[in-house]
Amino acid sequence: MPRSNQKVEVCLSDAIREELETVARSQSSPVSKVRRARVLLMADEDRREGHRPDWYIAEKVGISLRQVCRIRQQFVRDGLAPTITRRQRSDKGTAKTIDGAAEARLVTLCCSTPPEGRERWTLKLLVDELCRLEVVASVCPETVRRCLKKIASSRGRQNASVSRKETAPVSWPTWKKSSTSIRTTTMSGIR
């Protein structure tokens, strides 16, 4: 296995080169797949035009120099298919901690009066209350913060977006149109 700073040589066979050229010309392939195919084509040691340096490949493809090195190493280590296809996330099947019903309970809780002796709800108080009410089994304060940020809520303040907004008093001055006009010069006046 090559070291992370060791330069690896990419040598493509004719069949792999044709497949990469097809992917690079494809209009329906994802951009990341096309970029990786272009990197491998430009990094090929056996190409007729000659080898291109990594900085040139990175500039032409529009990715970082480090990504070019990683794509080269992954191709040598794993082969073509894992290199140009995107890996599935390992946490793809993980259920969300706060779903729609729990989010609704969280918003209701934020709009309610805070516990006795407190001026407003804190993240820690919200987490404890959600667990006490058995809305969720366990949740971290960061998850609650992200959920509240997503709905643009502030913990218990009156001007929160979940509360009714105040309207401007009728006595506030409004904009009026001016009856004066600005004199414009016409083409006939200029000679």
N, C-alpha and C. Protein backbone atom coordinates (compact mmCIF):
# COMPACT_ATOMS: atom_id res chain seq x y z
N MET A 1 0.85 -1.18 0.00
CA MET A 1 0.00 0.00 0.00
C MET A 1 0.89 1.24 0.00
N PRO A 2 0.59 2.21 -0.89
CA PRO A 2 1.45 3.39 -0.97
C PRO A 2 1.26 4.31 0.23
N ARG A 3 2.32 4.99 0.57
CA ARG A 3 2.23 5.99 1.64
C ARG A 3 1.42 7.18 1.13
N SER A 4 0.94 8.02 2.04
CA SER A 4 0.07 9.12 1.64
C SER A 4 0.81 10.18 0.83
N ASN A 5 2.12 10.33 1.00
CA ASN A 5 2.85 11.34 0.25
C ASN A 5 3.58 10.76 -0.95
N GLN A 6 3.45 9.45 -1.18
CA GLN A 6 4.12 8.81 -2.29
C GLN A 6 3.29 8.98 -3.56
N LYS A 7 3.93 9.35 -4.66
CA LYS A 7 3.24 9.52 -5.92
C LYS A 7 3.04 8.15 -6.55
N VAL A 8 1.82 7.85 -6.95
CA VAL A 8 1.52 6.57 -7.56
C VAL A 8 1.26 6.79 -9.05
N GLU A 9 1.63 5.82 -9.84
CA GLU A 9 1.46 5.92 -11.28
C GLU A 9 0.17 5.25 -11.69
N VAL A 10 -0.59 5.94 -12.52
CA VAL A 10 -1.85 5.42 -13.05
C VAL A 10 -1.59 4.96 -14.47
N CYS A 11 -1.77 3.67 -14.73
CA CYS A 11 -1.61 3.11 -16.07
C CYS A 11 -2.93 2.48 -16.46
N LEU A 12 -3.59 3.06 -17.46
CA LEU A 12 -4.90 2.59 -17.88
C LEU A 12 -4.79 1.66 -19.09
N SER A 13 -5.59 0.61 -19.07
CA SER A 13 -5.67 -0.26 -20.25
C SER A 13 -6.61 0.41 -21.26
N ASP A 14 -6.64 -0.13 -22.47
CA ASP A 14 -7.48 0.46 -23.51
C ASP A 14 -8.97 0.38 -23.15
N ALA A 15 -9.38 -0.72 -22.56
CA ALA A 15 -10.79 -0.88 -22.19
C ALA A 15 -11.19 0.11 -21.09
N ILE A 16 -10.34 0.25 -20.08
CA ILE A 16 -10.64 1.20 -19.00
C ILE A 16 -10.62 2.63 -19.53
N ARG A 17 -9.68 2.95 -20.41
CA ARG A 17 -9.61 4.29 -20.98
C ARG A 17 -10.88 4.61 -21.77
N GLU A 18 -11.40 3.66 -22.56
CA GLU A 18 -12.63 3.87 -23.32
C GLU A 18 -13.81 4.09 -22.37
N GLU A 19 -13.88 3.30 -21.31
CA GLU A 19 -14.97 3.46 -20.34
C GLU A 19 -14.91 4.83 -19.67
N LEU A 20 -13.70 5.28 -19.29
CA LEU A 20 -13.56 6.60 -18.66
C LEU A 20 -13.89 7.72 -19.62
N GLU A 21 -13.53 7.58 -20.88
CA GLU A 21 -13.87 8.60 -21.88
C GLU A 21 -15.38 8.67 -22.08
N THR A 22 -16.05 7.53 -22.05
CA THR A 22 -17.52 7.52 -22.15
C THR A 22 -18.14 8.24 -20.96
N VAL A 23 -17.64 7.98 -19.77
CA VAL A 23 -18.16 8.64 -18.56
C VAL A 23 -17.88 10.14 -18.62
N ALA A 24 -16.67 10.53 -19.07
CA ALA A 24 -16.29 11.94 -19.12
C ALA A 24 -17.14 12.72 -20.12
N ARG A 25 -17.61 12.05 -21.19
CA ARG A 25 -18.43 12.73 -22.19
C ARG A 25 -19.92 12.65 -21.89
N SER A 26 -20.29 11.85 -20.90
CA SER A 26 -21.70 11.62 -20.60
C SER A 26 -22.36 12.88 -20.05
N GLN A 27 -23.57 13.15 -20.53
CA GLN A 27 -24.33 14.30 -20.04
C GLN A 27 -25.17 13.95 -18.82
N SER A 28 -25.42 12.65 -18.62
CA SER A 28 -26.31 12.25 -17.53
C SER A 28 -25.57 11.75 -16.29
N SER A 29 -24.26 11.64 -16.35
CA SER A 29 -23.50 11.17 -15.18
C SER A 29 -23.36 12.29 -14.15
N PRO A 30 -23.26 11.93 -12.87
CA PRO A 30 -23.04 12.94 -11.84
C PRO A 30 -21.70 13.66 -12.05
N VAL A 31 -21.63 14.90 -11.63
CA VAL A 31 -20.44 15.72 -11.83
C VAL A 31 -19.23 15.11 -11.14
N SER A 32 -19.41 14.58 -9.94
CA SER A 32 -18.27 14.00 -9.22
C SER A 32 -17.70 12.81 -9.98
N LYS A 33 -18.55 12.03 -10.60
CA LYS A 33 -18.08 10.87 -11.38
C LYS A 33 -17.31 11.33 -12.62
N VAL A 34 -17.82 12.38 -13.28
CA VAL A 34 -17.15 12.92 -14.47
C VAL A 34 -15.78 13.50 -14.09
N ARG A 35 -15.72 14.22 -12.97
CA ARG A 35 -14.45 14.80 -12.53
C ARG A 35 -13.41 13.71 -12.24
N ARG A 36 -13.83 12.67 -11.55
CA ARG A 36 -12.90 11.59 -11.23
C ARG A 36 -12.41 10.89 -12.50
N ALA A 37 -13.32 10.71 -13.46
CA ALA A 37 -12.92 10.09 -14.73
C ALA A 37 -11.91 10.98 -15.46
N ARG A 38 -12.14 12.29 -15.46
CA ARG A 38 -11.20 13.21 -16.12
C ARG A 38 -9.84 13.20 -15.44
N VAL A 39 -9.83 13.12 -14.10
CA VAL A 39 -8.56 13.07 -13.37
C VAL A 39 -7.78 11.83 -13.78
N LEU A 40 -8.45 10.68 -13.81
CA LEU A 40 -7.75 9.44 -14.17
C LEU A 40 -7.26 9.47 -15.61
N LEU A 41 -8.05 10.06 -16.51
CA LEU A 41 -7.60 10.15 -17.90
C LEU A 41 -6.38 11.05 -18.04
N MET A 42 -6.36 12.17 -17.32
CA MET A 42 -5.23 13.08 -17.41
C MET A 42 -4.00 12.55 -16.67
N ALA A 43 -4.21 11.69 -15.67
CA ALA A 43 -3.10 11.17 -14.89
C ALA A 43 -2.49 9.92 -15.50
N ASP A 44 -3.05 9.45 -16.58
CA ASP A 44 -2.58 8.22 -17.22
C ASP A 44 -1.14 8.39 -17.70
N GLU A 45 -0.27 7.48 -17.30
CA GLU A 45 1.15 7.53 -17.68
C GLU A 45 1.35 7.13 -19.14
N ASP A 46 0.45 6.32 -19.69
CA ASP A 46 0.62 5.79 -21.04
C ASP A 46 -0.10 6.61 -22.11
N ARG A 47 -0.54 7.79 -21.80
CA ARG A 47 -1.30 8.57 -22.81
C ARG A 47 -0.35 9.12 -23.87
N ARG A 48 -0.91 9.30 -25.06
CA ARG A 48 -0.10 9.73 -26.20
C ARG A 48 0.46 11.14 -26.02
N GLU A 49 -0.31 12.03 -25.41
CA GLU A 49 0.12 13.42 -25.26
C GLU A 49 1.16 13.59 -24.16
N GLY A 50 1.38 12.57 -23.38
CA GLY A 50 2.34 12.67 -22.30
C GLY A 50 1.66 12.88 -20.96
N HIS A 51 2.35 12.62 -19.90
CA HIS A 51 1.83 12.74 -18.54
C HIS A 51 1.66 14.21 -18.15
N ARG A 52 0.59 14.50 -17.44
CA ARG A 52 0.33 15.86 -16.95
C ARG A 52 0.63 15.90 -15.46
N PRO A 53 1.23 17.00 -14.96
CA PRO A 53 1.49 17.10 -13.51
C PRO A 53 0.19 17.28 -12.72
N ASP A 54 0.25 16.94 -11.44
CA ASP A 54 -0.95 16.99 -10.59
C ASP A 54 -1.51 18.40 -10.48
N TRP A 55 -0.65 19.43 -10.38
CA TRP A 55 -1.15 20.79 -10.25
C TRP A 55 -1.93 21.19 -11.51
N TYR A 56 -1.52 20.72 -12.67
CA TYR A 56 -2.21 21.03 -13.92
C TYR A 56 -3.58 20.33 -13.96
N ILE A 57 -3.60 19.07 -13.53
CA ILE A 57 -4.86 18.30 -13.50
C ILE A 57 -5.84 18.97 -12.55
N ALA A 58 -5.36 19.34 -11.36
CA ALA A 58 -6.23 19.98 -10.36
C ALA A 58 -6.81 21.28 -10.90
N GLU A 59 -6.00 22.06 -11.60
CA GLU A 59 -6.46 23.34 -12.14
C GLU A 59 -7.50 23.14 -13.24
N LYS A 60 -7.26 22.18 -14.13
CA LYS A 60 -8.17 21.94 -15.26
C LYS A 60 -9.49 21.32 -14.83
N VAL A 61 -9.44 20.41 -13.86
CA VAL A 61 -10.66 19.72 -13.43
C VAL A 61 -11.44 20.56 -12.42
N GLY A 62 -10.74 21.40 -11.66
CA GLY A 62 -11.42 22.26 -10.69
C GLY A 62 -11.54 21.63 -9.31
N ILE A 63 -10.55 20.84 -8.93
CA ILE A 63 -10.52 20.26 -7.59
C ILE A 63 -9.16 20.56 -6.97
N SER A 64 -8.99 20.19 -5.71
CA SER A 64 -7.73 20.49 -5.04
C SER A 64 -6.65 19.48 -5.44
N LEU A 65 -5.43 19.87 -5.21
CA LEU A 65 -4.29 19.01 -5.50
C LEU A 65 -4.34 17.74 -4.66
N ARG A 66 -4.76 17.87 -3.43
CA ARG A 66 -4.86 16.71 -2.53
C ARG A 66 -5.90 15.71 -3.04
N GLN A 67 -7.01 16.20 -3.60
CA GLN A 67 -8.01 15.29 -4.15
C GLN A 67 -7.47 14.51 -5.33
N VAL A 68 -6.66 15.15 -6.15
CA VAL A 68 -6.05 14.45 -7.28
C VAL A 68 -5.18 13.31 -6.77
N CYS A 69 -4.39 13.56 -5.73
CA CYS A 69 -3.55 12.52 -5.14
C CYS A 69 -4.40 11.38 -4.57
N ARG A 70 -5.49 11.70 -3.91
CA ARG A 70 -6.35 10.68 -3.33
C ARG A 70 -7.01 9.83 -4.40
N ILE A 71 -7.44 10.46 -5.50
CA ILE A 71 -8.07 9.70 -6.58
C ILE A 71 -7.07 8.74 -7.20
N ARG A 72 -5.84 9.20 -7.42
CA ARG A 72 -4.78 8.33 -7.94
C ARG A 72 -4.58 7.13 -7.03
N GLN A 73 -4.42 7.38 -5.73
CA GLN A 73 -4.15 6.32 -4.76
C GLN A 73 -5.32 5.34 -4.67
N GLN A 74 -6.53 5.85 -4.68
CA GLN A 74 -7.69 4.97 -4.60
C GLN A 74 -7.79 4.09 -5.83
N PHE A 75 -7.46 4.63 -7.01
CA PHE A 75 -7.50 3.83 -8.23
C PHE A 75 -6.48 2.69 -8.16
N VAL A 76 -5.28 2.98 -7.72
CA VAL A 76 -4.25 1.95 -7.64
C VAL A 76 -4.60 0.92 -6.57
N ARG A 77 -5.18 1.36 -5.45
CA ARG A 77 -5.49 0.48 -4.34
C ARG A 77 -6.75 -0.36 -4.59
N ASP A 78 -7.85 0.29 -5.06
CA ASP A 78 -9.16 -0.36 -5.13
C ASP A 78 -9.63 -0.72 -6.53
N GLY A 79 -9.14 -0.05 -7.56
CA GLY A 79 -9.60 -0.32 -8.91
C GLY A 79 -10.53 0.78 -9.41
N LEU A 80 -11.13 0.56 -10.57
CA LEU A 80 -11.91 1.60 -11.24
C LEU A 80 -13.27 1.87 -10.60
N ALA A 81 -14.07 0.83 -10.40
CA ALA A 81 -15.45 1.02 -9.94
C ALA A 81 -15.55 1.77 -8.61
N PRO A 82 -14.81 1.38 -7.57
CA PRO A 82 -14.91 2.14 -6.31
C PRO A 82 -14.37 3.56 -6.42
N THR A 83 -13.48 3.79 -7.38
CA THR A 83 -12.88 5.12 -7.50
C THR A 83 -13.84 6.13 -8.10
N ILE A 84 -14.57 5.74 -9.14
CA ILE A 84 -15.42 6.74 -9.81
C ILE A 84 -16.84 6.78 -9.26
N THR A 85 -17.27 5.77 -8.51
CA THR A 85 -18.62 5.82 -7.94
C THR A 85 -18.55 6.34 -6.51
N ARG A 86 -19.60 6.99 -6.12
CA ARG A 86 -19.66 7.57 -4.79
C ARG A 86 -20.02 6.50 -3.76
N ARG A 87 -19.33 6.49 -2.65
CA ARG A 87 -19.58 5.52 -1.60
C ARG A 87 -20.86 5.87 -0.85
N GLN A 88 -21.63 4.85 -0.46
CA GLN A 88 -22.84 5.07 0.33
C GLN A 88 -22.45 5.43 1.76
N ARG A 89 -23.20 6.34 2.36
CA ARG A 89 -22.94 6.71 3.74
C ARG A 89 -23.22 5.54 4.67
N SER A 90 -22.43 5.42 5.70
CA SER A 90 -22.61 4.31 6.64
C SER A 90 -23.82 4.53 7.54
N ASP A 91 -24.23 5.79 7.72
CA ASP A 91 -25.37 6.09 8.60
C ASP A 91 -26.64 6.38 7.81
N LYS A 92 -26.73 5.87 6.58
CA LYS A 92 -27.88 6.16 5.73
C LYS A 92 -29.19 5.65 6.32
N GLY A 93 -29.17 4.48 6.95
CA GLY A 93 -30.38 3.89 7.49
C GLY A 93 -30.71 4.33 8.90
N THR A 94 -29.94 5.22 9.48
CA THR A 94 -30.17 5.66 10.85
C THR A 94 -31.39 6.57 10.92
N ALA A 95 -32.29 6.27 11.82
CA ALA A 95 -33.50 7.08 11.98
C ALA A 95 -33.16 8.38 12.69
N LYS A 96 -33.92 9.42 12.39
CA LYS A 96 -33.70 10.71 13.04
C LYS A 96 -34.15 10.64 14.49
N THR A 97 -33.44 11.38 15.33
CA THR A 97 -33.78 11.41 16.75
C THR A 97 -35.06 12.20 16.97
N ILE A 98 -35.15 13.35 16.29
CA ILE A 98 -36.34 14.19 16.42
C ILE A 98 -37.09 14.15 15.10
N ASP A 99 -38.22 13.46 15.08
CA ASP A 99 -39.04 13.40 13.87
C ASP A 99 -40.07 14.53 13.90
N GLY A 100 -41.03 14.50 13.01
CA GLY A 100 -42.01 15.58 12.90
C GLY A 100 -42.84 15.77 14.16
N ALA A 101 -43.30 14.66 14.76
CA ALA A 101 -44.12 14.76 15.97
C ALA A 101 -43.30 15.31 17.14
N ALA A 102 -42.08 14.84 17.28
CA ALA A 102 -41.22 15.33 18.37
C ALA A 102 -40.86 16.79 18.15
N GLU A 103 -40.67 17.18 16.87
CA GLU A 103 -40.38 18.58 16.56
C GLU A 103 -41.56 19.47 16.93
N ALA A 104 -42.77 19.01 16.67
CA ALA A 104 -43.96 19.78 17.04
C ALA A 104 -44.07 19.94 18.55
N ARG A 105 -43.76 18.87 19.29
CA ARG A 105 -43.79 18.96 20.75
C ARG A 105 -42.71 19.91 21.26
N LEU A 106 -41.56 19.91 20.59
CA LEU A 106 -40.46 20.81 20.97
C LEU A 106 -40.87 22.27 20.78
N VAL A 107 -41.51 22.58 19.66
CA VAL A 107 -41.96 23.95 19.40
C VAL A 107 -43.02 24.36 20.42
N THR A 108 -43.93 23.46 20.72
CA THR A 108 -44.96 23.76 21.73
C THR A 108 -44.31 24.02 23.08
N LEU A 109 -43.32 23.24 23.40
CA LEU A 109 -42.61 23.39 24.66
C LEU A 109 -41.88 24.73 24.71
N CYS A 110 -41.28 25.14 23.60
CA CYS A 110 -40.56 26.42 23.55
C CYS A 110 -41.49 27.60 23.76
N CYS A 111 -42.71 27.47 23.24
CA CYS A 111 -43.67 28.57 23.35
C CYS A 111 -44.35 28.62 24.71
N SER A 112 -44.24 27.56 25.47
CA SER A 112 -44.87 27.55 26.79
C SER A 112 -44.03 28.36 27.78
N THR A 113 -44.57 28.54 28.95
CA THR A 113 -43.83 29.29 29.97
C THR A 113 -42.70 28.42 30.50
N PRO A 114 -41.55 29.02 30.75
CA PRO A 114 -40.41 28.24 31.25
C PRO A 114 -40.66 27.77 32.68
N PRO A 115 -39.86 26.85 33.17
CA PRO A 115 -40.04 26.34 34.54
C PRO A 115 -39.90 27.45 35.58
N GLU A 116 -40.42 27.20 36.73
CA GLU A 116 -40.40 28.18 37.80
C GLU A 116 -38.96 28.53 38.16
N GLY A 117 -38.69 29.79 38.30
CA GLY A 117 -37.35 30.27 38.63
C GLY A 117 -36.49 30.54 37.42
N ARG A 118 -37.00 30.32 36.23
CA ARG A 118 -36.26 30.55 34.98
C ARG A 118 -36.96 31.61 34.16
N GLU A 119 -36.16 32.42 33.47
CA GLU A 119 -36.71 33.47 32.62
C GLU A 119 -37.08 32.93 31.24
N ARG A 120 -36.26 31.99 30.74
CA ARG A 120 -36.53 31.39 29.43
C ARG A 120 -36.00 29.96 29.41
N TRP A 121 -36.37 29.24 28.35
CA TRP A 121 -35.91 27.87 28.18
C TRP A 121 -34.46 27.86 27.72
N THR A 122 -33.66 27.00 28.31
CA THR A 122 -32.30 26.77 27.82
C THR A 122 -32.30 25.43 27.08
N LEU A 123 -31.24 25.18 26.32
CA LEU A 123 -31.16 23.91 25.59
C LEU A 123 -31.16 22.73 26.56
N LYS A 124 -30.44 22.86 27.65
CA LYS A 124 -30.38 21.79 28.64
C LYS A 124 -31.75 21.52 29.24
N LEU A 125 -32.49 22.61 29.56
CA LEU A 125 -33.84 22.43 30.10
C LEU A 125 -34.77 21.76 29.09
N LEU A 126 -34.65 22.14 27.82
CA LEU A 126 -35.47 21.53 26.78
C LEU A 126 -35.16 20.05 26.62
N VAL A 127 -33.88 19.70 26.65
CA VAL A 127 -33.48 18.29 26.54
C VAL A 127 -34.05 17.49 27.71
N ASP A 128 -33.90 18.01 28.92
CA ASP A 128 -34.40 17.31 30.10
C ASP A 128 -35.92 17.15 30.04
N GLU A 129 -36.61 18.18 29.60
CA GLU A 129 -38.07 18.13 29.54
C GLU A 129 -38.55 17.16 28.46
N LEU A 130 -37.88 17.12 27.30
CA LEU A 130 -38.25 16.17 26.25
C LEU A 130 -38.07 14.73 26.73
N CYS A 131 -37.02 14.48 27.49
CA CYS A 131 -36.80 13.14 28.03
C CYS A 131 -37.79 12.81 29.14
N ARG A 132 -38.11 13.80 29.96
CA ARG A 132 -39.06 13.58 31.06
C ARG A 132 -40.45 13.28 30.52
N LEU A 133 -40.85 13.99 29.44
CA LEU A 133 -42.17 13.76 28.83
C LEU A 133 -42.19 12.51 27.94
N GLU A 134 -41.04 11.85 27.80
CA GLU A 134 -40.88 10.65 26.99
C GLU A 134 -41.23 10.90 25.52
N VAL A 135 -40.91 12.10 25.03
CA VAL A 135 -41.04 12.41 23.62
C VAL A 135 -39.95 11.68 22.86
N VAL A 136 -38.74 11.69 23.42
CA VAL A 136 -37.61 10.95 22.88
C VAL A 136 -36.94 10.22 24.03
N ALA A 137 -36.23 9.13 23.70
CA ALA A 137 -35.53 8.38 24.74
C ALA A 137 -34.33 9.17 25.24
N SER A 138 -33.54 9.69 24.31
CA SER A 138 -32.41 10.54 24.68
C SER A 138 -32.09 11.41 23.46
N VAL A 139 -31.60 12.60 23.74
CA VAL A 139 -31.24 13.53 22.68
C VAL A 139 -30.17 14.47 23.22
N CYS A 140 -29.29 14.91 22.34
CA CYS A 140 -28.24 15.82 22.80
C CYS A 140 -28.68 17.27 22.55
N PRO A 141 -28.12 18.21 23.29
CA PRO A 141 -28.50 19.62 23.12
C PRO A 141 -28.23 20.14 21.71
N GLU A 142 -27.21 19.62 21.03
CA GLU A 142 -26.90 20.08 19.67
C GLU A 142 -28.02 19.72 18.70
N THR A 143 -28.63 18.56 18.86
CA THR A 143 -29.75 18.17 18.01
C THR A 143 -30.93 19.10 18.22
N VAL A 144 -31.20 19.44 19.47
CA VAL A 144 -32.29 20.37 19.77
C VAL A 144 -31.98 21.75 19.20
N ARG A 145 -30.73 22.18 19.31
CA ARG A 145 -30.35 23.49 18.77
C ARG A 145 -30.55 23.53 17.26
N ARG A 146 -30.11 22.47 16.55
CA ARG A 146 -30.27 22.43 15.10
C ARG A 146 -31.73 22.43 14.69
N CYS A 147 -32.54 21.72 15.45
CA CYS A 147 -33.98 21.67 15.16
C CYS A 147 -34.61 23.04 15.35
N LEU A 148 -34.23 23.74 16.42
CA LEU A 148 -34.78 25.08 16.67
C LEU A 148 -34.27 26.08 15.65
N LYS A 149 -33.02 25.92 15.22
CA LYS A 149 -32.47 26.82 14.22
C LYS A 149 -33.19 26.63 12.89
N LYS A 150 -33.52 25.37 12.58
CA LYS A 150 -34.20 25.06 11.32
C LYS A 150 -35.56 25.74 11.26
N ILE A 151 -36.26 25.82 12.39
CA ILE A 151 -37.57 26.45 12.40
C ILE A 151 -37.50 27.91 12.82
N ALA A 152 -36.28 28.44 12.94
CA ALA A 152 -36.04 29.85 13.29
C ALA A 152 -36.76 30.24 14.56
N SER A 153 -36.61 29.43 15.58
CA SER A 153 -37.25 29.70 16.85
C SER A 153 -36.22 30.18 17.85
N SER A 154 -36.68 30.94 18.82
CA SER A 154 -35.81 31.29 19.93
C SER A 154 -36.51 30.84 21.20
N ARG A 155 -35.77 30.29 22.11
CA ARG A 155 -36.33 29.57 23.24
C ARG A 155 -37.16 30.45 24.17
N GLY A 156 -38.44 30.60 23.88
CA GLY A 156 -39.36 31.22 24.81
C GLY A 156 -39.48 32.72 24.76
N ARG A 157 -38.76 33.40 23.89
CA ARG A 157 -38.90 34.85 23.83
C ARG A 157 -40.17 35.21 23.09
N GLN A 158 -40.72 36.36 23.39
CA GLN A 158 -41.96 36.79 22.77
C GLN A 158 -41.82 37.08 21.29
N ASN A 159 -40.64 37.52 20.83
CA ASN A 159 -40.49 37.88 19.43
C ASN A 159 -40.02 36.69 18.59
N ALA A 160 -40.21 35.48 19.08
CA ALA A 160 -39.82 34.30 18.32
C ALA A 160 -40.72 34.15 17.11
N SER A 161 -40.25 33.46 16.09
CA SER A 161 -41.02 33.36 14.87
C SER A 161 -42.27 32.52 15.05
N VAL A 162 -42.34 31.71 16.10
CA VAL A 162 -43.54 30.92 16.34
C VAL A 162 -44.60 31.74 17.06
N SER A 163 -44.23 32.90 17.58
CA SER A 163 -45.20 33.78 18.22
C SER A 163 -45.74 34.78 17.21
N ARG A 164 -46.86 35.41 17.57
CA ARG A 164 -47.47 36.39 16.69
C ARG A 164 -46.62 37.64 16.63
N LYS A 165 -46.40 38.15 15.44
CA LYS A 165 -45.61 39.36 15.28
C LYS A 165 -46.50 40.59 15.50
N GLU A 166 -45.89 41.62 16.09
CA GLU A 166 -46.63 42.86 16.31
C GLU A 166 -46.68 43.64 15.01
N THR A 167 -47.78 44.32 14.79
CA THR A 167 -47.92 45.16 13.61
C THR A 167 -47.58 46.60 13.98
N ALA A 168 -47.25 47.38 12.98
CA ALA A 168 -46.88 48.78 13.22
C ALA A 168 -48.11 49.58 13.61
N PRO A 169 -47.95 50.53 14.53
CA PRO A 169 -49.09 51.37 14.90
C PRO A 169 -49.57 52.20 13.71
N VAL A 170 -50.85 52.55 13.73
CA VAL A 170 -51.44 53.31 12.63
C VAL A 170 -50.87 54.72 12.58
N SER A 171 -50.37 55.22 13.70
CA SER A 171 -49.89 56.59 13.76
C SER A 171 -48.52 56.79 13.13
N TRP A 172 -47.86 55.71 12.71
CA TRP A 172 -46.55 55.86 12.09
C TRP A 172 -46.69 56.53 10.74
N PRO A 173 -45.76 57.44 10.39
CA PRO A 173 -45.86 58.11 9.10
C PRO A 173 -45.64 57.13 7.95
N THR A 174 -46.33 57.39 6.87
CA THR A 174 -46.17 56.55 5.68
C THR A 174 -45.54 57.38 4.58
N TRP A 175 -45.02 56.73 3.60
CA TRP A 175 -44.42 57.42 2.47
C TRP A 175 -45.49 58.05 1.61
N LYS A 176 -45.22 59.26 1.14
CA LYS A 176 -46.15 59.95 0.27
C LYS A 176 -45.45 60.26 -1.03
N LYS A 177 -46.21 60.27 -2.11
CA LYS A 177 -45.64 60.63 -3.39
C LYS A 177 -45.47 62.13 -3.46
N SER A 178 -44.39 62.53 -4.06
CA SER A 178 -44.13 63.95 -4.21
C SER A 178 -44.85 64.46 -5.46
N SER A 179 -45.41 65.66 -5.37
CA SER A 179 -46.10 66.23 -6.53
C SER A 179 -45.16 67.04 -7.41
N THR A 180 -43.94 67.28 -6.95
CA THR A 180 -43.01 68.04 -7.77
C THR A 180 -42.32 67.11 -8.75
N SER A 181 -42.03 67.62 -9.89
CA SER A 181 -41.37 66.80 -10.89
C SER A 181 -39.97 67.33 -11.13
N ILE A 182 -39.15 66.52 -11.63
CA ILE A 182 -37.77 66.90 -11.93
C ILE A 182 -37.73 67.29 -13.40
N ARG A 183 -37.12 68.44 -13.67
CA ARG A 183 -37.05 68.92 -15.05
C ARG A 183 -36.06 68.08 -15.83
N THR A 184 -36.47 67.61 -16.95
CA THR A 184 -35.59 66.79 -17.79
C THR A 184 -35.23 67.59 -19.03
N THR A 185 -34.05 67.37 -19.49
CA THR A 185 -33.62 68.03 -20.71
C THR A 185 -34.03 67.17 -21.89
N THR A 186 -34.43 67.83 -22.94
CA THR A 186 -34.85 67.10 -24.13
C THR A 186 -33.79 67.26 -25.20
N MET A 187 -33.86 66.43 -26.18
CA MET A 187 -32.89 66.48 -27.27
C MET A 187 -33.01 67.75 -28.10
N SER A 188 -34.21 68.30 -28.14
CA SER A 188 -34.37 69.52 -28.94
C SER A 188 -33.73 70.72 -28.28
N GLY A 189 -33.58 70.70 -26.94
CA GLY A 189 -32.98 71.81 -26.24
C GLY A 189 -31.46 71.80 -26.37
N ILE A 190 -30.88 70.70 -26.76
CA ILE A 190 -29.42 70.62 -26.87
C ILE A 190 -29.04 70.76 -28.32
N ARG A 191 -28.18 71.74 -28.63
CA ARG A 191 -27.74 71.91 -30.03
C ARG A 191 -26.31 72.22 -30.07
